[in-house]
Amino acid sequence: MSTSSRRSASTGSTGRRPVPVAVSTPEISLGDFLKWAGIAATGGHAKLLVQGGRVLVNGAVERRRGRPLRAGDRVEHGGREYRVVAG
């Protein structure tokens, strides 16, 4: 495995460590997570981001705003990666 492959595997596709975002419930919807993490200003903004295909969950485009997220899930938007952690 090359150095760049190891970097991508360990720190995500952005080359940086994921930003941990603590949630106090066992599950949170993608739309709520986007607002909680400060990625989206409002629910309407979250809807536009998700429906526009601009959000990835665990490396795949996710178009369901209500998709449940749990600890360990990764969310990517705008070149940044966020990790859901239990808080």
Protein backbone atom coordinates (compact mmCIF):
# COMPACT_ATOMS: atom_id res chain seq x y z
CA MET A 1 0.00 0.00 0.00
CA SER A 2 1.41 3.38 -0.95
CA THR A 3 1.78 6.23 1.52
CA SER A 4 -1.03 8.17 -0.14
CA SER A 5 -3.32 5.12 0.03
CA ARG A 6 -2.58 4.69 3.72
CA ARG A 7 -3.27 8.37 4.32
CA SER A 8 -6.63 8.15 2.53
CA ALA A 9 -7.59 5.02 4.43
CA SER A 10 -6.69 6.41 7.84
CA THR A 11 -7.83 10.02 7.52
CA GLY A 12 -10.61 9.89 4.96
CA SER A 13 -10.73 11.13 1.41
CA THR A 14 -9.89 14.70 2.41
CA GLY A 15 -6.42 13.87 3.75
CA ARG A 16 -7.35 15.35 7.15
CA ARG A 17 -8.62 13.76 10.30
CA PRO A 18 -12.41 13.75 10.56
CA VAL A 19 -13.97 16.39 12.81
CA PRO A 20 -15.70 14.56 15.69
CA VAL A 21 -19.27 15.69 16.31
CA ALA A 22 -20.77 14.40 19.57
CA VAL A 23 -24.47 13.59 19.62
CA SER A 24 -26.36 12.72 22.80
CA THR A 25 -28.82 10.28 21.23
CA PRO A 26 -28.14 6.78 19.84
CA GLU A 27 -29.33 7.94 16.41
CA ILE A 28 -29.72 11.28 14.59
CA SER A 29 -31.15 12.05 11.17
CA LEU A 30 -28.76 13.30 8.51
CA GLY A 31 -30.65 16.61 8.26
CA ASP A 32 -30.45 17.18 12.01
CA PHE A 33 -26.78 16.21 12.02
CA LEU A 34 -26.00 18.75 9.29
CA LYS A 35 -27.61 21.47 11.42
CA TRP A 36 -26.03 20.24 14.69
CA ALA A 37 -22.53 20.16 13.13
CA GLY A 38 -22.98 23.67 11.69
CA ILE A 39 -22.78 22.45 8.10
CA ALA A 40 -26.30 23.69 7.32
CA ALA A 41 -27.84 26.84 8.79
CA THR A 42 -31.44 25.61 8.59
CA GLY A 43 -33.46 22.52 7.80
CA GLY A 44 -34.18 23.95 4.36
CA HIS A 45 -30.48 24.42 3.74
CA ALA A 46 -29.83 20.81 4.83
CA LYS A 47 -32.53 19.64 2.43
CA LEU A 48 -30.90 21.48 -0.49
CA LEU A 49 -27.46 20.06 0.31
CA VAL A 50 -28.73 16.49 0.56
CA GLN A 51 -31.08 16.58 -2.42
CA GLY A 52 -28.35 18.22 -4.50
CA GLY A 53 -26.07 15.22 -3.93
CA ARG A 54 -23.51 17.32 -2.07
CA VAL A 55 -23.37 15.12 1.06
CA LEU A 56 -21.71 11.73 1.39
CA VAL A 57 -22.35 9.26 4.19
CA ASN A 58 -19.69 6.60 4.68
CA GLY A 59 -18.26 7.43 1.25
CA ALA A 60 -21.51 7.29 -0.77
CA VAL A 61 -23.80 10.09 -1.93
CA GLU A 62 -26.86 10.17 0.34
CA ARG A 63 -30.07 11.84 -0.84
CA ARG A 64 -32.29 10.99 2.14
CA ARG A 65 -32.36 13.80 4.70
CA GLY A 66 -33.99 11.44 7.20
CA ARG A 67 -31.28 8.78 6.93
CA PRO A 68 -30.38 7.71 10.45
CA LEU A 69 -26.78 8.16 11.56
CA ARG A 70 -25.13 6.34 14.43
CA ALA A 71 -21.77 6.61 16.20
CA GLY A 72 -18.96 5.81 13.79
CA ASP A 73 -20.73 7.07 10.66
CA ARG A 74 -18.80 9.53 8.50
CA VAL A 75 -20.39 12.53 6.78
CA GLU A 76 -18.55 14.50 4.09
CA HIS A 77 -19.41 17.89 2.64
CA GLY A 78 -17.38 20.66 1.05
CA GLY A 79 -14.08 18.82 1.32
CA ARG A 80 -14.45 18.21 5.06
CA GLU A 81 -15.21 14.98 6.86
CA TYR A 82 -17.15 14.68 10.11
CA ARG A 83 -17.49 11.61 12.31
CA VAL A 84 -20.53 10.93 14.49
CA VAL A 85 -19.41 10.16 18.05
CA ALA A 86 -21.46 9.26 21.11
CA GLY A 87 -21.60 12.16 23.50
